[in-house]
Structure formats: C-alpha cells, structure tokens
Amino acid sequence: NYVASWENIARTHNIKTGFDFFVNPNLTLSYTLDYNTNISTGNNYDDNTSSVFDANKELLINYLAYNVGNNTVSTTSNGVSLRKTFDSSKIEWTMDASHTYFSDQNTNLNENLAYNAAKVFIPSQYYYFEPVLNNKVNNIMVKTDVSLPFNPIKIDVGLKNESNFNKNIYVAYLKDYLGEKYTNANYQNDFNYNENIFASYVNAAKSIGIVSLDAGVRLENTIISSNNPEVSRQYLNLFPNVGLAMPLDSFINFS
C-alpha cells in the first residue's frame, strides 16, 4: 500500500541590472549583475506500507517508510568590462573580469517504522537516514585582448585566466528511536576541487580579394588541485587554427 501527498513551494527570483559609463568617446566602462535563486520546499510525505505474513497468512509486521526533502539553488554573477579605442591607429583594447557564485543545498529525510500485528511499535526495527549535501562553486575570470589593425593584416592577441573553486560537503545523520541524531566518518565526505586555466592566443587575419584568411594558435596551461591527491594534475595544451572563407554567390558562403 502506497500513499503519497506533497505540497511543493518553488520560489524563483531573477535580477539583472547594469550600466555603461562613457568616460570619453574612446573609453567605455560597463558593469552587469545577474542573480537568480530557486528555493524548493514543501511538505513532501511518502507513506509506503509493507506487510509481512507468516505461512498461515497471519500478519507479523507492518513496515512504514516515508521521506521529506527540500532543495535550494542560487547563482550570482558580477561582471565588469573596460573598452578603449585609439583614434590614430584604430587599435582596440578590452579588459573583462567576472565572478560567479553558485550554491546548492539538498536535504532528504528517510525514516522507516515497524509495527506488529497488535499495532505496537517495534523499536529494534527503526531506521533513520538523513543525507545533507552542500555544493559551493566560485568562478573567477580575468582576460584582456588587443586588436592591432596593421595594413593589410589584422592581429589579435589576448590573455585569460579562469579559476574554479569547488567545495562539496556531504554528511548523513542517523538516529535511534527517541535518540539524538549522530554521524561518523563513514557518513561524511569533504571534497575540494580547484581548477586554474591560463590561456594566451595570437591570431592573424588577412583578406585577399573576396577570400578571408586567418591563422593562429592558443596555448592553455591547466593546474588542478584537490584535497584528494589522486585528482591533482597539471598539463599543457596547444591549439592551432587555420581558416579560409569566401562567398560563392549572394546566398552561399564557403569556409
């Protein structure tokens, strides 16, 4: 026999705002803020009854299992951008920085009860398990780009550093009937994962008639650290690129 009743209450809030500040005709400062949160709570009740009978079909035990849970997720992003152009040379320089924070908390309660045929509670069959998961992530990004329009070649150069800091905490609580909740090392896990990627690139573009050519290379150095030494590592990647594009007619482009 299974009976379930629930009332889920979801509250979602979104905020986005920002501004552009024109310092002068060649210099612009921008700021943006994005925030959203989703809080899901409620009276979620799952009543699952299992009956155990003997060989004569006499009732021995009724088991009752149920759970209650809620979840909260929120994300906040801040970004700032600076753009400057130089009239005399048409050189353009931009610098961007951003920070994003993500939080997720999940709680789920599981409880099992047992009663004999006379509907008397059996404490030795009682079971309680309540896992709680907390996940927090911080992302920090800084990058700068320079566009150099040399005739007849345009060269773009850039640097970028992005860091992710992840913290995951898991703990599960147990309880004896009418007792206090408790936990131990077997029901706990604290895992940290940090990733830093430093990248640099250079790209050259040139037009020959209707044909556009570009070529470049991007270099990435990745460093991963953790409180689990098996996860930590460092590696270097090189990504070359070559491109060609041309229109075949008014509707078709070949690249």
C-alpha atoms as a PDB file:
ATOM      1  CA  ASN A   1       0.000   0.000   0.000  1.00  0.00           C
ATOM      2  CA  TYR A   2       1.413   3.342  -1.012  1.00  0.00           C
ATOM      3  CA  VAL A   3       0.043   6.780  -0.172  1.00  0.00           C
ATOM      4  CA  ALA A   4       1.831   9.971  -1.175  1.00  0.00           C
ATOM      5  CA  SER A   5       0.936  13.584  -0.534  1.00  0.00           C
ATOM      6  CA  TRP A   6       3.043  16.620  -1.244  1.00  0.00           C
ATOM      7  CA  GLU A   7       2.927  20.385  -1.451  1.00  0.00           C
ATOM      8  CA  ASN A   8       5.867  21.811  -3.348  1.00  0.00           C
ATOM      9  CA  ILE A   9       6.536  25.523  -2.964  1.00  0.00           C
ATOM     10  CA  ALA A  10       9.011  26.907  -5.507  1.00  0.00           C
ATOM     11  CA  ARG A  11      10.167  30.495  -5.169  1.00  0.00           C
ATOM     12  CA  THR A  12      12.262  31.753  -8.070  1.00  0.00           C
ATOM     13  CA  HIS A  13      13.764  35.248  -8.169  1.00  0.00           C
ATOM     14  CA  ASN A  14      15.736  36.770 -11.043  1.00  0.00           C
ATOM     15  CA  ILE A  15      17.511  40.116 -11.041  1.00  0.00           C
ATOM     16  CA  LYS A  16      19.583  41.572 -13.883  1.00  0.00           C
ATOM     17  CA  THR A  17      20.976  45.091 -13.899  1.00  0.00           C
ATOM     18  CA  GLY A  18      23.980  47.005 -15.166  1.00  0.00           C
ATOM     19  CA  PHE A  19      25.267  50.209 -16.669  1.00  0.00           C
ATOM     20  CA  ASP A  20      27.547  51.617 -19.345  1.00  0.00           C
ATOM     21  CA  PHE A  21      29.677  54.621 -18.360  1.00  0.00           C
ATOM     22  CA  PHE A  22      31.100  56.501 -21.322  1.00  0.00           C
ATOM     23  CA  VAL A  23      34.222  58.078 -19.825  1.00  0.00           C
ATOM     24  CA  ASN A  24      35.003  59.704 -23.172  1.00  0.00           C
ATOM     25  CA  PRO A  25      34.296  58.870 -26.852  1.00  0.00           C
ATOM     26  CA  ASN A  26      37.099  56.291 -26.801  1.00  0.00           C
ATOM     27  CA  LEU A  27      36.669  54.736 -23.335  1.00  0.00           C
ATOM     28  CA  THR A  28      33.664  52.781 -22.024  1.00  0.00           C
ATOM     29  CA  LEU A  29      33.237  51.100 -18.636  1.00  0.00           C
ATOM     30  CA  SER A  30      30.447  48.510 -18.243  1.00  0.00           C
ATOM     31  CA  TYR A  31      29.070  46.585 -15.267  1.00  0.00           C
ATOM     32  CA  THR A  32      26.485  43.800 -15.132  1.00  0.00           C
ATOM     33  CA  LEU A  33      24.863  41.874 -12.266  1.00  0.00           C
ATOM     34  CA  ASP A  34      22.879  38.648 -12.711  1.00  0.00           C
ATOM     35  CA  TYR A  35      21.220  36.927  -9.763  1.00  0.00           C
ATOM     36  CA  ASN A  36      18.756  34.074  -9.650  1.00  0.00           C
ATOM     37  CA  THR A  37      17.629  31.734  -6.911  1.00  0.00           C
ATOM     38  CA  ASN A  38      15.316  28.732  -6.820  1.00  0.00           C
ATOM     39  CA  ILE A  39      14.108  27.616  -3.390  1.00  0.00           C
ATOM     40  CA  SER A  40      12.054  24.422  -3.462  1.00  0.00           C
ATOM     41  CA  THR A  41      10.497  23.404  -0.161  1.00  0.00           C
ATOM     42  CA  GLY A  42       7.325  21.691   0.898  1.00  0.00           C
ATOM     43  CA  ASN A  43       5.545  19.112   2.973  1.00  0.00           C
ATOM     44  CA  ASN A  44       6.518  16.078   0.917  1.00  0.00           C
ATOM     45  CA  TYR A  45       5.276  12.912   2.591  1.00  0.00           C
ATOM     46  CA  ASP A  46       5.587   9.423   1.101  1.00  0.00           C
ATOM     47  CA  ASP A  47       3.822   6.741   3.153  1.00  0.00           C
ATOM     48  CA  ASN A  48       4.825   3.284   1.949  1.00  0.00           C
ATOM     49  CA  THR A  49       3.378   0.375   3.957  1.00  0.00           C
ATOM     50  CA  SER A  50       4.641  -3.190   3.502  1.00  0.00           C
ATOM     51  CA  SER A  51       3.011  -6.115   5.274  1.00  0.00           C
ATOM     52  CA  VAL A  52       4.816  -9.360   6.207  1.00  0.00           C
ATOM     53  CA  PHE A  53       2.757 -12.518   6.781  1.00  0.00           C
ATOM     54  CA  ASP A  54       3.633 -15.986   8.050  1.00  0.00           C
ATOM     55  CA  ALA A  55       2.908 -19.307   6.319  1.00  0.00           C
ATOM     56  CA  ASN A  56      -0.676 -19.197   7.608  1.00  0.00           C
ATOM     57  CA  LYS A  57      -1.151 -15.704   6.215  1.00  0.00           C
ATOM     58  CA  GLU A  58      -1.203 -14.212   9.681  1.00  0.00           C
ATOM     59  CA  LEU A  59       0.133 -10.667   9.903  1.00  0.00           C
ATOM     60  CA  LEU A  60       3.584 -10.441  11.504  1.00  0.00           C
ATOM     61  CA  ILE A  61       4.867  -6.898  10.841  1.00  0.00           C
ATOM     62  CA  ASN A  62       3.748  -3.743   9.090  1.00  0.00           C
ATOM     63  CA  TYR A  63       6.619  -1.599   7.799  1.00  0.00           C
ATOM     64  CA  LEU A  64       6.059   2.113   7.213  1.00  0.00           C
ATOM     65  CA  ALA A  65       8.593   4.138   5.198  1.00  0.00           C
ATOM     66  CA  TYR A  66       8.449   7.826   4.313  1.00  0.00           C
ATOM     67  CA  ASN A  67      10.694  10.720   3.291  1.00  0.00           C
ATOM     68  CA  VAL A  68      10.670  14.533   3.315  1.00  0.00           C
ATOM     69  CA  GLY A  69      13.036  16.748   1.309  1.00  0.00           C
ATOM     70  CA  ASN A  70      13.867  20.265   0.138  1.00  0.00           C
ATOM     71  CA  ASN A  71      16.374  21.907  -2.195  1.00  0.00           C
ATOM     72  CA  THR A  72      17.797  25.440  -2.524  1.00  0.00           C
ATOM     73  CA  VAL A  73      19.842  26.673  -5.528  1.00  0.00           C
ATOM     74  CA  SER A  74      21.178  30.194  -6.119  1.00  0.00           C
ATOM     75  CA  THR A  75      23.574  31.821  -8.612  1.00  0.00           C
ATOM     76  CA  THR A  76      25.090  35.320  -8.540  1.00  0.00           C
ATOM     77  CA  SER A  77      27.273  36.776 -11.331  1.00  0.00           C
ATOM     78  CA  ASN A  78      29.134  40.095 -11.395  1.00  0.00           C
ATOM     79  CA  GLY A  79      30.970  41.331 -14.449  1.00  0.00           C
ATOM     80  CA  VAL A  80      32.955  44.430 -15.356  1.00  0.00           C
ATOM     81  CA  SER A  81      34.318  45.391 -18.774  1.00  0.00           C
ATOM     82  CA  LEU A  82      36.592  48.191 -19.961  1.00  0.00           C
ATOM     83  CA  ARG A  83      36.924  49.035 -23.662  1.00  0.00           C
ATOM     84  CA  LYS A  84      39.294  51.625 -25.150  1.00  0.00           C
ATOM     85  CA  THR A  85      39.985  52.594 -28.752  1.00  0.00           C
ATOM     86  CA  PHE A  86      42.819  54.728 -30.117  1.00  0.00           C
ATOM     87  CA  ASP A  87      41.705  57.087 -32.892  1.00  0.00           C
ATOM     88  CA  SER A  88      45.055  57.486 -34.576  1.00  0.00           C
ATOM     89  CA  SER A  89      45.822  53.785 -35.042  1.00  0.00           C
ATOM     90  CA  LYS A  90      42.357  52.141 -34.647  1.00  0.00           C
ATOM     91  CA  ILE A  91      43.880  49.879 -32.015  1.00  0.00           C
ATOM     92  CA  GLU A  92      41.246  48.500 -29.615  1.00  0.00           C
ATOM     93  CA  TRP A  93      41.952  47.243 -26.088  1.00  0.00           C
ATOM     94  CA  THR A  94      39.450  45.475 -23.841  1.00  0.00           C
ATOM     95  CA  MET A  95      39.668  44.084 -20.336  1.00  0.00           C
ATOM     96  CA  ASP A  96      36.993  41.915 -18.698  1.00  0.00           C
ATOM     97  CA  ALA A  97      36.614  40.475 -15.219  1.00  0.00           C
ATOM     98  CA  SER A  98      33.793  38.446 -13.703  1.00  0.00           C
ATOM     99  CA  HIS A  99      32.889  36.486 -10.591  1.00  0.00           C
ATOM    100  CA  THR A 100      30.130  33.853 -10.388  1.00  0.00           C
ATOM    101  CA  TYR A 101      28.975  32.172  -7.189  1.00  0.00           C
ATOM    102  CA  PHE A 102      26.827  29.022  -7.232  1.00  0.00           C
ATOM    103  CA  SER A 103      25.270  27.371  -4.185  1.00  0.00           C
ATOM    104  CA  ASP A 104      23.213  24.172  -3.969  1.00  0.00           C
ATOM    105  CA  GLN A 105      21.883  22.609  -0.777  1.00  0.00           C
ATOM    106  CA  ASN A 106      19.828  19.434  -0.719  1.00  0.00           C
ATOM    107  CA  THR A 107      18.313  17.718   2.318  1.00  0.00           C
ATOM    108  CA  ASN A 108      16.384  14.456   2.270  1.00  0.00           C
ATOM    109  CA  LEU A 109      14.988  12.644   5.317  1.00  0.00           C
ATOM    110  CA  ASN A 110      14.241   8.904   5.186  1.00  0.00           C
ATOM    111  CA  GLU A 111      12.547   7.143   8.119  1.00  0.00           C
ATOM    112  CA  ASN A 112      11.326   3.551   8.481  1.00  0.00           C
ATOM    113  CA  LEU A 113       8.951   2.368  11.222  1.00  0.00           C
ATOM    114  CA  ALA A 114       7.711  -1.118  12.078  1.00  0.00           C
ATOM    115  CA  TYR A 115       4.591  -2.341  13.950  1.00  0.00           C
ATOM    116  CA  ASN A 116       3.486  -5.842  14.949  1.00  0.00           C
ATOM    117  CA  ALA A 117       0.031  -7.325  14.397  1.00  0.00           C
ATOM    118  CA  ALA A 118      -1.259  -5.594  17.548  1.00  0.00           C
ATOM    119  CA  LYS A 119      -0.055  -2.241  16.098  1.00  0.00           C
ATOM    120  CA  VAL A 120       2.662  -1.975  18.729  1.00  0.00           C
ATOM    121  CA  PHE A 121       5.786  -0.144  17.634  1.00  0.00           C
ATOM    122  CA  ILE A 122       8.992  -2.262  17.335  1.00  0.00           C
ATOM    123  CA  PRO A 123      11.996  -0.056  18.290  1.00  0.00           C
ATOM    124  CA  SER A 124      14.584  -2.624  17.097  1.00  0.00           C
ATOM    125  CA  GLN A 125      13.282  -2.288  13.519  1.00  0.00           C
ATOM    126  CA  TYR A 126      13.517   1.529  13.485  1.00  0.00           C
ATOM    127  CA  TYR A 127      15.699   3.134  10.802  1.00  0.00           C
ATOM    128  CA  TYR A 128      16.536   6.828  10.211  1.00  0.00           C
ATOM    129  CA  PHE A 129      18.788   8.259   7.473  1.00  0.00           C
ATOM    130  CA  GLU A 130      19.125  11.966   6.605  1.00  0.00           C
ATOM    131  CA  PRO A 131      21.729  12.956   3.965  1.00  0.00           C
ATOM    132  CA  VAL A 132      22.627  16.656   3.565  1.00  0.00           C
ATOM    133  CA  LEU A 133      24.596  17.838   0.515  1.00  0.00           C
ATOM    134  CA  ASN A 134      26.198  21.298   0.204  1.00  0.00           C
ATOM    135  CA  ASN A 135      27.874  22.321  -3.042  1.00  0.00           C
ATOM    136  CA  LYS A 136      29.505  25.750  -3.467  1.00  0.00           C
ATOM    137  CA  VAL A 137      31.361  26.952  -6.585  1.00  0.00           C
ATOM    138  CA  ASN A 138      33.251  30.215  -7.169  1.00  0.00           C
ATOM    139  CA  ASN A 139      34.331  31.081 -10.710  1.00  0.00           C
ATOM    140  CA  ILE A 140      36.736  33.995 -11.244  1.00  0.00           C
ATOM    141  CA  MET A 141      37.718  35.097 -14.757  1.00  0.00           C
ATOM    142  CA  VAL A 142      40.050  37.883 -15.929  1.00  0.00           C
ATOM    143  CA  LYS A 143      41.001  38.455 -19.566  1.00  0.00           C
ATOM    144  CA  THR A 144      42.448  41.144 -21.796  1.00  0.00           C
ATOM    145  CA  ASP A 145      42.500  41.441 -25.600  1.00  0.00           C
ATOM    146  CA  VAL A 146      44.257  43.775 -28.023  1.00  0.00           C
ATOM    147  CA  SER A 147      43.274  44.208 -31.663  1.00  0.00           C
ATOM    148  CA  LEU A 148      46.055  45.567 -33.892  1.00  0.00           C
ATOM    149  CA  PRO A 149      44.811  46.578 -37.388  1.00  0.00           C
ATOM    150  CA  PHE A 150      48.092  46.611 -39.334  1.00  0.00           C
ATOM    151  CA  ASN A 151      47.549  47.091 -43.044  1.00  0.00           C
ATOM    152  CA  PRO A 152      46.953  44.665 -44.704  1.00  0.00           C
ATOM    153  CA  ILE A 153      46.944  42.234 -41.736  1.00  0.00           C
ATOM    154  CA  LYS A 154      44.910  42.389 -38.538  1.00  0.00           C
ATOM    155  CA  ILE A 155      46.452  40.765 -35.470  1.00  0.00           C
ATOM    156  CA  ASP A 156      44.570  39.869 -32.270  1.00  0.00           C
ATOM    157  CA  VAL A 157      46.417  38.996 -29.061  1.00  0.00           C
ATOM    158  CA  GLY A 158      44.895  38.001 -25.738  1.00  0.00           C
ATOM    159  CA  LEU A 159      45.494  36.636 -22.242  1.00  0.00           C
ATOM    160  CA  LYS A 160      42.957  34.932 -19.999  1.00  0.00           C
ATOM    161  CA  ASN A 161      42.994  33.359 -16.553  1.00  0.00           C
ATOM    162  CA  GLU A 162      39.998  31.427 -15.214  1.00  0.00           C
ATOM    163  CA  SER A 163      39.789  29.787 -11.786  1.00  0.00           C
ATOM    164  CA  ASN A 164      37.104  27.464 -10.430  1.00  0.00           C
ATOM    165  CA  PHE A 165      36.910  26.684  -6.718  1.00  0.00           C
ATOM    166  CA  ASN A 166      34.541  23.824  -5.873  1.00  0.00           C
ATOM    167  CA  LYS A 167      33.682  22.773  -2.334  1.00  0.00           C
ATOM    168  CA  ASN A 168      31.431  19.765  -1.802  1.00  0.00           C
ATOM    169  CA  ILE A 169      30.371  18.681   1.680  1.00  0.00           C
ATOM    170  CA  TYR A 170      28.288  15.579   2.307  1.00  0.00           C
ATOM    171  CA  VAL A 171      27.109  14.418   5.706  1.00  0.00           C
ATOM    172  CA  ALA A 172      24.452  11.856   6.608  1.00  0.00           C
ATOM    173  CA  TYR A 173      22.743  11.692  10.001  1.00  0.00           C
ATOM    174  CA  LEU A 174      21.411   8.590  11.692  1.00  0.00           C
ATOM    175  CA  LYS A 175      19.203   8.288  14.760  1.00  0.00           C
ATOM    176  CA  ASP A 176      17.993   5.662  17.162  1.00  0.00           C
ATOM    177  CA  TYR A 177      14.339   5.793  18.107  1.00  0.00           C
ATOM    178  CA  LEU A 178      13.824   8.696  20.588  1.00  0.00           C
ATOM    179  CA  GLY A 179      17.565   9.345  20.424  1.00  0.00           C
ATOM    180  CA  GLU A 180      19.702  12.242  19.190  1.00  0.00           C
ATOM    181  CA  LYS A 181      20.900  12.426  15.587  1.00  0.00           C
ATOM    182  CA  TYR A 182      24.524  11.391  15.080  1.00  0.00           C
ATOM    183  CA  THR A 183      27.063  10.795  12.332  1.00  0.00           C
ATOM    184  CA  ASN A 184      30.588   9.437  11.904  1.00  0.00           C
ATOM    185  CA  ALA A 185      33.419   9.372   9.362  1.00  0.00           C
ATOM    186  CA  ASN A 186      31.711   6.638   7.328  1.00  0.00           C
ATOM    187  CA  TYR A 187      28.870   9.051   6.528  1.00  0.00           C
ATOM    188  CA  GLN A 188      30.913  12.158   5.760  1.00  0.00           C
ATOM    189  CA  ASN A 189      32.844  13.401   2.757  1.00  0.00           C
ATOM    190  CA  ASP A 190      34.539  16.763   2.239  1.00  0.00           C
ATOM    191  CA  PHE A 191      35.828  17.123  -1.335  1.00  0.00           C
ATOM    192  CA  ASN A 192      37.551  20.225  -2.716  1.00  0.00           C
ATOM    193  CA  TYR A 193      38.353  20.628  -6.406  1.00  0.00           C
ATOM    194  CA  ASN A 194      40.191  23.674  -7.778  1.00  0.00           C
ATOM    195  CA  GLU A 195      40.993  24.292 -11.431  1.00  0.00           C
ATOM    196  CA  ASN A 196      43.047  27.141 -12.872  1.00  0.00           C
ATOM    197  CA  ILE A 197      43.414  27.649 -16.638  1.00  0.00           C
ATOM    198  CA  PHE A 198      45.826  30.244 -18.001  1.00  0.00           C
ATOM    199  CA  ALA A 199      45.477  30.836 -21.745  1.00  0.00           C
ATOM    200  CA  SER A 200      47.133  33.053 -24.315  1.00  0.00           C
ATOM    201  CA  TYR A 201      46.463  33.396 -28.015  1.00  0.00           C
ATOM    202  CA  VAL A 202      47.558  35.208 -31.145  1.00  0.00           C
ATOM    203  CA  ASN A 203      45.564  35.301 -34.367  1.00  0.00           C
ATOM    204  CA  ALA A 204      46.285  36.952 -37.741  1.00  0.00           C
ATOM    205  CA  ALA A 205      43.649  37.723 -40.395  1.00  0.00           C
ATOM    206  CA  LYS A 206      44.062  38.973 -43.978  1.00  0.00           C
ATOM    207  CA  SER A 207      41.734  39.496 -46.911  1.00  0.00           C
ATOM    208  CA  ILE A 208      42.810  38.812 -50.497  1.00  0.00           C
ATOM    209  CA  GLY A 209      40.047  39.931 -52.802  1.00  0.00           C
ATOM    210  CA  ILE A 210      36.885  38.082 -51.690  1.00  0.00           C
ATOM    211  CA  VAL A 211      38.895  35.475 -49.749  1.00  0.00           C
ATOM    212  CA  SER A 212      39.371  35.901 -45.990  1.00  0.00           C
ATOM    213  CA  LEU A 213      42.261  34.045 -44.387  1.00  0.00           C
ATOM    214  CA  ASP A 214      43.135  33.639 -40.714  1.00  0.00           C
ATOM    215  CA  ALA A 215      45.630  31.617 -38.708  1.00  0.00           C
ATOM    216  CA  GLY A 216      46.606  31.497 -35.069  1.00  0.00           C
ATOM    217  CA  VAL A 217      47.445  29.456 -32.021  1.00  0.00           C
ATOM    218  CA  ARG A 218      46.134  29.232 -28.448  1.00  0.00           C
ATOM    219  CA  LEU A 219      48.166  27.918 -25.514  1.00  0.00           C
ATOM    220  CA  GLU A 220      46.489  26.658 -22.332  1.00  0.00           C
ATOM    221  CA  ASN A 221      48.122  25.628 -19.065  1.00  0.00           C
ATOM    222  CA  THR A 222      45.777  23.798 -16.675  1.00  0.00           C
ATOM    223  CA  ILE A 223      46.502  23.186 -12.999  1.00  0.00           C
ATOM    224  CA  ILE A 224      44.087  21.054 -10.941  1.00  0.00           C
ATOM    225  CA  SER A 225      44.423  20.711  -7.186  1.00  0.00           C
ATOM    226  CA  SER A 226      42.330  18.879  -4.624  1.00  0.00           C
ATOM    227  CA  ASN A 227      42.349  17.543  -1.079  1.00  0.00           C
ATOM    228  CA  ASN A 228      42.318  14.180  -2.875  1.00  0.00           C
ATOM    229  CA  PRO A 229      45.891  13.857  -4.273  1.00  0.00           C
ATOM    230  CA  GLU A 230      44.761  11.364  -6.933  1.00  0.00           C
ATOM    231  CA  VAL A 231      42.852  14.169  -8.675  1.00  0.00           C
ATOM    232  CA  SER A 232      45.646  16.786  -8.744  1.00  0.00           C
ATOM    233  CA  ARG A 233      47.486  17.219 -12.056  1.00  0.00           C
ATOM    234  CA  GLN A 234      48.965  19.759 -14.478  1.00  0.00           C
ATOM    235  CA  TYR A 235      49.071  19.722 -18.275  1.00  0.00           C
ATOM    236  CA  LEU A 236      49.757  21.979 -21.260  1.00  0.00           C
ATOM    237  CA  ASN A 237      47.673  22.122 -24.456  1.00  0.00           C
ATOM    238  CA  LEU A 238      48.383  23.799 -27.789  1.00  0.00           C
ATOM    239  CA  PHE A 239      45.513  24.572 -30.198  1.00  0.00           C
ATOM    240  CA  PRO A 240      46.494  25.797 -33.683  1.00  0.00           C
ATOM    241  CA  ASN A 241      43.852  27.034 -36.110  1.00  0.00           C
ATOM    242  CA  VAL A 242      43.727  27.882 -39.827  1.00  0.00           C
ATOM    243  CA  GLY A 243      40.695  29.300 -41.597  1.00  0.00           C
ATOM    244  CA  LEU A 244      39.535  30.314 -45.074  1.00  0.00           C
ATOM    245  CA  ALA A 245      36.201  31.853 -46.075  1.00  0.00           C
ATOM    246  CA  MET A 246      34.736  33.206 -49.330  1.00  0.00           C
ATOM    247  CA  PRO A 247      31.273  33.919 -50.755  1.00  0.00           C
ATOM    248  CA  LEU A 248      30.261  31.790 -53.733  1.00  0.00           C
ATOM    249  CA  ASP A 249      27.236  33.943 -54.534  1.00  0.00           C
ATOM    250  CA  SER A 250      24.718  36.167 -52.747  1.00  0.00           C
ATOM    251  CA  PHE A 251      23.292  33.257 -50.734  1.00  0.00           C
ATOM    252  CA  ILE A 252      26.138  30.761 -50.271  1.00  0.00           C
ATOM    253  CA  ASN A 253      29.390  31.100 -48.335  1.00  0.00           C
ATOM    254  CA  PHE A 254      32.210  28.594 -48.393  1.00  0.00           C
ATOM    255  CA  SER A 255      34.513  28.213 -45.367  1.00  0.00           C
END
